[in-house]
Amino acid sequence: MKKVLITGGAGFIGSTVASALLDRGITPVVLDDLSRGRTEFVADRLFYRGDIADAALLDRIFAEHPDIDATVHCAAKIVVPESVAKPLYYYRENVAKTVELLDALQRHGCTRVVFSSSASIYAPTPDARVDESSPVDAGSPYARTKQMMEQVLQDWTRGEGAERQRVIALRYFNPIGADPQLRTGLQDLRPTHALGKLIEAHTTGTPFTVTGTDWATRDGSGIRDYVHVQDLAEAHVAALLRFDEVIAPGVADRYRVINVGTGDGTTVRELIAAFEQAVGASLEVREAGPRPGDVIGCYAVVDTARDLLGWQPRRGIAEGVADALAWRRVWSARIAVS
């Protein structure tokens, strides 16, 4: 594999995947509209600024890079409360534009796709543990767009004349940390997820709020599977390198779902304790009700990723916290200078 198109490749996940590809000698070709991504994350990389639904731009990309072997589709709007407030915007950006993207990929014969999906589509389970066969029942407009995108992709592999179209959907859990080499990381200094809020509380001296304290977990707070973003990026690379082994050309079932997580569930209160231990300081913690679209959460069974991709997580929460803090220091300094 020589080149890979990455949609959303200037964002947190996509840029880390791009770095991991470069580390393996594979050239990423990045397409991003920079609505959330950063130009700093695509410096010295093949980069096209624009929309994933822009047919003319996609035609240009494939004309200039006919040796693109596959696509990693990371582009999406991802903020749960915003999706509750603006559902049509999310369906248009995530679902409708994916249809246009697939039409262009099919037209150019780029029919291997690794899709960055989400564990948020899973239905709640009694023990919060999910494998790839667990029921799906997305709990927010954002999560429903991911579920719909999966359905679109699966149907794409089954349609008339779709013999070549194959998709690996990586249902990943909650990414933390940053690129260990600090090339990229969270572009937002005020992120909405739990670890980002912990870092913000620690660096600004403000309270951290546990949103939801009556979930059916061991301590009442939500439960998540916190996977280091570098491990997540390496799972994408493994999916690309083993693509034809996971889904052989010509097989009848050309759609495969694989969970990517640590296999361990961590509650929000446990994450707070791990964070306080990592930084050597206590935080002021407050409690509040769940935010719009919040769910109890879940954690992964990751046997399929190990068996099919030869992948397993190598970094824990402590390393994720350390890398996230190191990145914030670097990124804050860069922003201050720019």
Protein backbone atom coordinates (compact mmCIF):
# COMPACT_ATOMS: atom_id res chain seq x y z
CA MET A 1 0.00 0.00 0.00
CA LYS A 2 1.46 3.33 -1.12
CA LYS A 3 -1.12 6.07 -0.58
CA VAL A 4 -4.27 6.38 1.51
CA LEU A 5 -6.92 9.10 1.34
CA ILE A 6 -7.90 10.32 4.83
CA THR A 7 -11.07 12.38 5.13
CA GLY A 8 -10.96 14.55 8.21
CA GLY A 9 -7.21 14.05 8.29
CA ALA A 10 -6.52 17.43 9.90
CA GLY A 11 -8.52 16.53 13.00
CA PHE A 12 -7.54 14.73 16.20
CA ILE A 13 -8.09 11.14 15.05
CA GLY A 14 -7.35 11.60 11.36
CA SER A 15 -4.07 13.44 11.91
CA THR A 16 -2.86 10.75 14.31
CA VAL A 17 -3.76 8.08 11.75
CA ALA A 18 -1.84 10.07 9.13
CA SER A 19 1.24 10.19 11.37
CA ALA A 20 1.01 6.45 12.00
CA LEU A 21 0.83 5.83 8.25
CA LEU A 22 3.89 7.99 7.64
CA ASP A 23 5.73 6.01 10.30
CA ARG A 24 5.02 2.88 8.24
CA GLY A 25 6.14 4.43 4.95
CA ILE A 26 2.61 4.99 3.62
CA THR A 27 1.71 8.43 2.23
CA PRO A 28 -1.50 10.00 3.55
CA VAL A 29 -3.48 12.25 1.22
CA VAL A 30 -5.57 14.46 3.50
CA LEU A 31 -8.97 15.94 2.66
CA ASP A 32 -10.38 18.28 5.31
CA ASP A 33 -12.55 21.37 5.27
CA LEU A 34 -10.76 22.75 8.37
CA SER A 35 -14.04 23.40 10.15
CA ARG A 36 -12.42 21.64 13.11
CA GLY A 37 -9.06 20.52 11.75
CA ARG A 38 -5.89 22.58 11.86
CA THR A 39 -3.47 23.56 9.11
CA GLU A 40 -0.62 22.91 11.56
CA PHE A 41 -1.59 19.21 11.52
CA VAL A 42 -1.12 18.91 7.75
CA ALA A 43 2.11 20.86 7.35
CA ASP A 44 4.44 19.00 4.97
CA ARG A 45 1.66 16.55 4.10
CA LEU A 46 -0.35 16.16 0.92
CA PHE A 47 -3.38 18.27 1.78
CA TYR A 48 -6.56 19.35 0.02
CA ARG A 49 -8.88 21.79 1.72
CA GLY A 50 -12.49 21.14 0.90
CA ASP A 51 -15.67 19.19 1.42
CA ILE A 52 -16.00 15.40 1.20
CA ALA A 53 -19.07 15.94 -0.99
CA ASP A 54 -17.21 18.11 -3.51
CA ALA A 55 -17.16 15.85 -6.59
CA ALA A 56 -14.89 18.13 -8.59
CA LEU A 57 -12.33 18.25 -5.79
CA LEU A 58 -12.39 14.47 -5.41
CA ASP A 59 -11.93 14.10 -9.17
CA ARG A 60 -8.87 16.34 -8.90
CA ILE A 61 -7.44 14.36 -5.98
CA PHE A 62 -7.71 11.07 -7.83
CA ALA A 63 -6.39 12.61 -11.05
CA GLU A 64 -3.31 13.81 -9.18
CA HIS A 65 -2.98 10.63 -7.07
CA PRO A 66 -4.25 7.68 -9.11
CA ASP A 67 -2.20 5.37 -6.86
CA ILE A 68 -4.45 5.89 -3.81
CA ASP A 69 -5.14 2.36 -2.58
CA ALA A 70 -7.81 2.92 0.08
CA THR A 71 -9.74 5.50 2.06
CA VAL A 72 -9.92 6.10 5.80
CA HIS A 73 -13.17 7.96 6.43
CA CYS A 74 -12.80 10.00 9.64
CA ALA A 75 -14.66 13.17 8.64
CA ALA A 76 -17.72 13.81 10.82
CA LYS A 77 -19.30 16.23 13.24
CA ILE A 78 -18.99 14.68 16.69
CA VAL A 79 -20.37 16.87 19.51
CA VAL A 80 -23.33 15.10 21.13
CA PRO A 81 -25.15 18.11 22.67
CA GLU A 82 -24.75 20.05 19.43
CA SER A 83 -26.27 17.13 17.52
CA VAL A 84 -29.30 17.22 19.82
CA ALA A 85 -29.73 20.94 19.12
CA LYS A 86 -28.98 20.70 15.37
CA PRO A 87 -29.98 17.23 14.17
CA LEU A 88 -30.56 18.16 10.53
CA TYR A 89 -27.10 19.69 10.35
CA TYR A 90 -25.60 16.44 11.63
CA TYR A 91 -27.57 14.24 9.26
CA ARG A 92 -26.57 16.44 6.33
CA GLU A 93 -22.89 16.68 7.24
CA ASN A 94 -22.33 13.09 8.34
CA VAL A 95 -24.78 10.96 6.38
CA ALA A 96 -25.70 12.81 3.20
CA LYS A 97 -22.11 13.84 2.46
CA THR A 98 -20.87 10.30 3.02
CA VAL A 99 -23.18 9.19 0.21
CA GLU A 100 -21.56 11.74 -2.11
CA LEU A 101 -18.10 10.63 -1.02
CA LEU A 102 -18.85 6.97 -1.75
CA ASP A 103 -20.18 7.87 -5.18
CA ALA A 104 -16.84 9.51 -5.99
CA LEU A 105 -14.83 6.61 -4.56
CA GLN A 106 -16.79 4.14 -6.63
CA ARG A 107 -16.37 6.26 -9.74
CA HIS A 108 -12.60 6.23 -9.28
CA GLY A 109 -12.35 2.56 -8.35
CA CYS A 110 -11.14 3.28 -4.81
CA THR A 111 -13.33 0.67 -3.20
CA ARG A 112 -11.50 -0.27 0.01
CA VAL A 113 -12.77 1.83 2.92
CA VAL A 114 -11.84 1.82 6.59
CA PHE A 115 -14.59 3.68 8.42
CA SER A 116 -14.05 5.36 11.78
CA SER A 117 -17.29 4.40 13.45
CA SER A 118 -18.27 4.70 17.10
CA ALA A 119 -19.19 2.51 20.05
CA SER A 120 -21.86 5.09 20.83
CA ILE A 121 -24.18 3.20 18.49
CA TYR A 122 -24.43 0.21 20.85
CA ALA A 123 -27.57 -0.33 22.89
CA PRO A 124 -27.04 -0.33 26.68
CA THR A 125 -26.28 -3.77 28.10
CA PRO A 126 -26.68 -4.99 31.71
CA ASP A 127 -22.92 -5.22 32.27
CA ALA A 128 -21.93 -2.42 29.81
CA ARG A 129 -19.80 -4.95 27.90
CA VAL A 130 -20.27 -5.17 24.13
CA ASP A 131 -18.92 -7.22 21.27
CA GLU A 132 -19.52 -6.80 17.56
CA SER A 133 -22.74 -8.82 17.71
CA SER A 134 -24.29 -6.68 20.48
CA PRO A 135 -27.50 -4.83 19.54
CA VAL A 136 -27.21 -1.28 18.25
CA ASP A 137 -29.57 1.47 19.32
CA ALA A 138 -27.89 4.86 19.09
CA GLY A 139 -28.91 7.30 21.81
CA SER A 140 -28.25 10.71 20.21
CA PRO A 141 -28.48 12.27 16.75
CA TYR A 142 -24.67 12.15 16.53
CA ALA A 143 -24.61 8.43 17.32
CA ARG A 144 -27.53 7.80 14.97
CA THR A 145 -25.57 9.41 12.14
CA LYS A 146 -22.76 6.91 12.79
CA GLN A 147 -25.27 4.07 12.80
CA MET A 148 -26.79 5.36 9.57
CA MET A 149 -23.35 5.79 7.98
CA GLU A 150 -22.62 2.16 8.79
CA GLN A 151 -25.87 1.12 7.16
CA VAL A 152 -25.08 3.17 4.07
CA LEU A 153 -21.63 1.60 3.85
CA GLN A 154 -22.97 -1.91 4.34
CA ASP A 155 -25.61 -1.41 1.65
CA TRP A 156 -22.89 0.01 -0.62
CA THR A 157 -21.05 -3.31 -0.42
CA ARG A 158 -24.23 -5.22 -1.35
CA GLY A 159 -25.64 -3.18 -4.19
CA GLU A 160 -25.78 -4.12 -7.84
CA GLY A 161 -22.32 -4.11 -9.37
CA ALA A 162 -20.69 -3.78 -5.94
CA GLU A 163 -18.42 -6.81 -6.21
CA ARG A 164 -15.29 -4.76 -5.49
CA GLN A 165 -16.60 -2.55 -2.69
CA ARG A 166 -15.37 -3.61 0.76
CA VAL A 167 -15.59 -1.87 4.14
CA ILE A 168 -14.01 -2.40 7.55
CA ALA A 169 -15.90 -0.41 10.18
CA LEU A 170 -13.83 0.21 13.29
CA ARG A 171 -16.18 0.89 16.18
CA TYR A 172 -13.85 2.69 18.48
CA PHE A 173 -14.42 3.78 21.99
CA ASN A 174 -13.18 6.89 23.82
CA PRO A 175 -9.83 8.18 22.53
CA ILE A 176 -7.47 9.86 24.97
CA GLY A 177 -3.88 11.10 24.87
CA ALA A 178 -2.00 12.51 21.89
CA ASP A 179 0.58 11.46 19.36
CA PRO A 180 3.50 10.39 21.60
CA GLN A 181 5.85 12.40 19.38
CA LEU A 182 3.58 15.44 19.94
CA ARG A 183 3.09 16.05 16.23
CA THR A 184 -0.66 16.38 16.73
CA GLY A 185 -3.31 16.12 19.44
CA LEU A 186 -6.59 17.65 20.51
CA GLN A 187 -6.95 20.90 18.60
CA ASP A 188 -9.48 22.30 21.06
CA LEU A 189 -8.24 23.60 24.42
CA ARG A 190 -11.81 23.31 25.72
CA PRO A 191 -12.95 19.85 24.57
CA THR A 192 -16.28 18.37 25.64
CA HIS A 193 -15.15 14.86 26.62
CA ALA A 194 -14.26 13.74 30.14
CA LEU A 195 -10.46 13.75 29.98
CA GLY A 196 -10.40 17.11 28.22
CA LYS A 197 -12.63 18.56 30.94
CA LEU A 198 -10.34 17.08 33.61
CA ILE A 199 -7.31 18.72 32.01
CA GLU A 200 -9.17 22.01 31.76
CA ALA A 201 -10.17 21.81 35.44
CA HIS A 202 -6.60 20.98 36.46
CA THR A 203 -4.95 23.74 34.43
CA THR A 204 -7.49 26.47 35.24
CA GLY A 205 -8.29 25.55 38.84
CA THR A 206 -12.00 25.21 38.11
CA PRO A 207 -14.28 22.40 39.33
CA PHE A 208 -14.83 19.24 37.32
CA THR A 209 -18.46 18.23 36.92
CA VAL A 210 -19.59 14.61 36.85
CA THR A 211 -22.61 14.69 34.54
CA GLY A 212 -24.89 11.87 35.59
CA THR A 213 -24.55 10.09 38.94
CA ASP A 214 -27.43 7.61 38.88
CA TRP A 215 -26.34 5.28 36.10
CA ALA A 216 -26.45 1.54 36.78
CA THR A 217 -22.68 1.26 37.30
CA ARG A 218 -20.55 0.39 40.32
CA ASP A 219 -20.34 4.02 41.43
CA GLY A 220 -23.25 5.67 39.60
CA SER A 221 -21.12 7.54 37.04
CA GLY A 222 -21.01 6.68 33.36
CA ILE A 223 -18.62 4.03 32.13
CA ARG A 224 -16.31 4.24 29.12
CA ASP A 225 -13.46 2.40 27.46
CA TYR A 226 -10.59 4.90 27.23
CA VAL A 227 -8.23 3.91 24.41
CA HIS A 228 -5.03 5.81 23.63
CA VAL A 229 -5.32 7.65 20.34
CA GLN A 230 -1.99 6.20 19.14
CA ASP A 231 -3.29 2.66 19.75
CA LEU A 232 -6.41 3.66 17.84
CA ALA A 233 -4.32 5.01 14.95
CA GLU A 234 -2.30 1.81 14.83
CA ALA A 235 -5.55 -0.18 14.61
CA HIS A 236 -6.44 1.81 11.48
CA VAL A 237 -3.03 1.05 9.99
CA ALA A 238 -3.42 -2.65 10.83
CA ALA A 239 -6.85 -2.67 9.15
CA LEU A 240 -5.34 -1.17 6.00
CA LEU A 241 -2.35 -3.51 5.90
CA ARG A 242 -4.50 -6.59 6.51
CA PHE A 243 -7.48 -5.42 4.49
CA ASP A 244 -7.35 -8.19 1.89
CA GLU A 245 -6.93 -10.82 4.61
CA VAL A 246 -9.87 -9.53 6.63
CA ILE A 247 -12.10 -9.20 3.55
CA ALA A 248 -10.71 -11.16 0.64
CA PRO A 249 -11.53 -9.89 -2.87
CA GLY A 250 -14.56 -11.62 -4.30
CA VAL A 251 -16.12 -12.81 -1.03
CA ALA A 252 -19.87 -12.52 -0.56
CA ASP A 253 -19.79 -10.66 2.76
CA ARG A 254 -17.81 -7.52 2.09
CA TYR A 255 -18.58 -5.64 5.31
CA ARG A 256 -16.79 -6.28 8.60
CA VAL A 257 -17.22 -4.63 12.01
CA ILE A 258 -14.34 -4.61 14.51
CA ASN A 259 -14.32 -3.10 18.01
CA VAL A 260 -11.25 -1.06 18.95
CA GLY A 261 -10.87 -0.43 22.67
CA THR A 262 -8.93 -1.62 25.69
CA GLY A 263 -11.37 -4.28 26.86
CA ASP A 264 -11.70 -2.58 30.26
CA GLY A 265 -14.44 -0.34 31.55
CA THR A 266 -13.53 2.78 33.52
CA THR A 267 -16.16 4.89 35.25
CA VAL A 268 -15.92 8.67 35.30
CA ARG A 269 -15.11 8.61 39.01
CA GLU A 270 -12.35 6.07 38.37
CA LEU A 271 -11.00 8.27 35.60
CA ILE A 272 -10.91 11.20 38.03
CA ALA A 273 -8.94 9.10 40.53
CA ALA A 274 -6.48 7.97 37.84
CA PHE A 275 -6.05 11.56 36.66
CA GLU A 276 -5.44 12.86 40.18
CA GLN A 277 -2.85 10.14 40.74
CA ALA A 278 -1.13 10.98 37.44
CA VAL A 279 -0.88 14.71 38.19
CA GLY A 280 -0.31 14.38 41.92
CA ALA A 281 -3.09 16.77 42.84
CA SER A 282 -6.74 16.67 43.84
CA LEU A 283 -9.56 18.29 41.90
CA GLU A 284 -12.72 19.95 43.13
CA VAL A 285 -15.51 17.70 41.87
CA ARG A 286 -19.17 18.61 41.51
CA GLU A 287 -22.16 16.58 40.39
CA ALA A 288 -24.88 17.35 37.87
CA GLY A 289 -27.51 15.59 35.83
CA PRO A 290 -26.70 14.04 32.44
CA ARG A 291 -26.28 16.29 29.42
CA PRO A 292 -28.65 16.01 26.47
CA GLY A 293 -27.81 12.83 24.58
CA ASP A 294 -25.68 11.30 27.35
CA VAL A 295 -25.83 7.52 27.82
CA ILE A 296 -24.50 5.09 30.43
CA GLY A 297 -21.66 4.04 28.10
CA CYS A 298 -19.98 0.73 27.43
CA TYR A 299 -16.64 -1.02 27.03
CA ALA A 300 -15.32 -3.31 24.36
CA VAL A 301 -14.72 -6.96 23.82
CA VAL A 302 -11.63 -6.75 21.60
CA ASP A 303 -11.02 -10.38 20.62
CA THR A 304 -11.90 -9.71 16.97
CA ALA A 305 -9.30 -6.94 16.64
CA ARG A 306 -6.66 -9.24 18.10
CA ASP A 307 -7.60 -12.20 15.89
CA LEU A 308 -8.14 -10.38 12.59
CA LEU A 309 -5.81 -7.40 12.84
CA GLY A 310 -3.10 -8.75 15.13
CA TRP A 311 -3.76 -5.62 17.17
CA GLN A 312 -4.01 -5.01 20.88
CA PRO A 313 -3.76 -1.85 22.99
CA ARG A 314 -0.31 -1.12 24.40
CA ARG A 315 -0.93 2.08 26.39
CA GLY A 316 -2.98 2.66 29.52
CA ILE A 317 -4.84 5.57 31.09
CA ALA A 318 -1.75 6.91 32.87
CA GLU A 319 0.11 7.21 29.56
CA GLY A 320 -2.95 8.75 27.94
CA VAL A 321 -3.15 11.38 30.67
CA ALA A 322 0.59 12.12 30.46
CA ASP A 323 0.53 12.50 26.67
CA ALA A 324 -2.60 14.65 26.77
CA LEU A 325 -1.03 16.99 29.34
CA ALA A 326 2.25 17.18 27.40
CA TRP A 327 0.33 17.99 24.22
CA ARG A 328 -1.72 20.70 25.91
CA ARG A 329 1.48 22.42 27.07
CA VAL A 330 2.95 22.27 23.56
CA TRP A 331 -0.26 23.29 21.83
CA SER A 332 -0.97 26.19 24.22
CA ALA A 333 2.50 27.56 23.52
CA ARG A 334 2.00 27.25 19.75
CA ILE A 335 -1.34 29.04 19.87
CA ALA A 336 0.09 31.78 22.04
CA VAL A 337 2.85 32.45 19.51
CA SER A 338 0.63 32.31 16.41
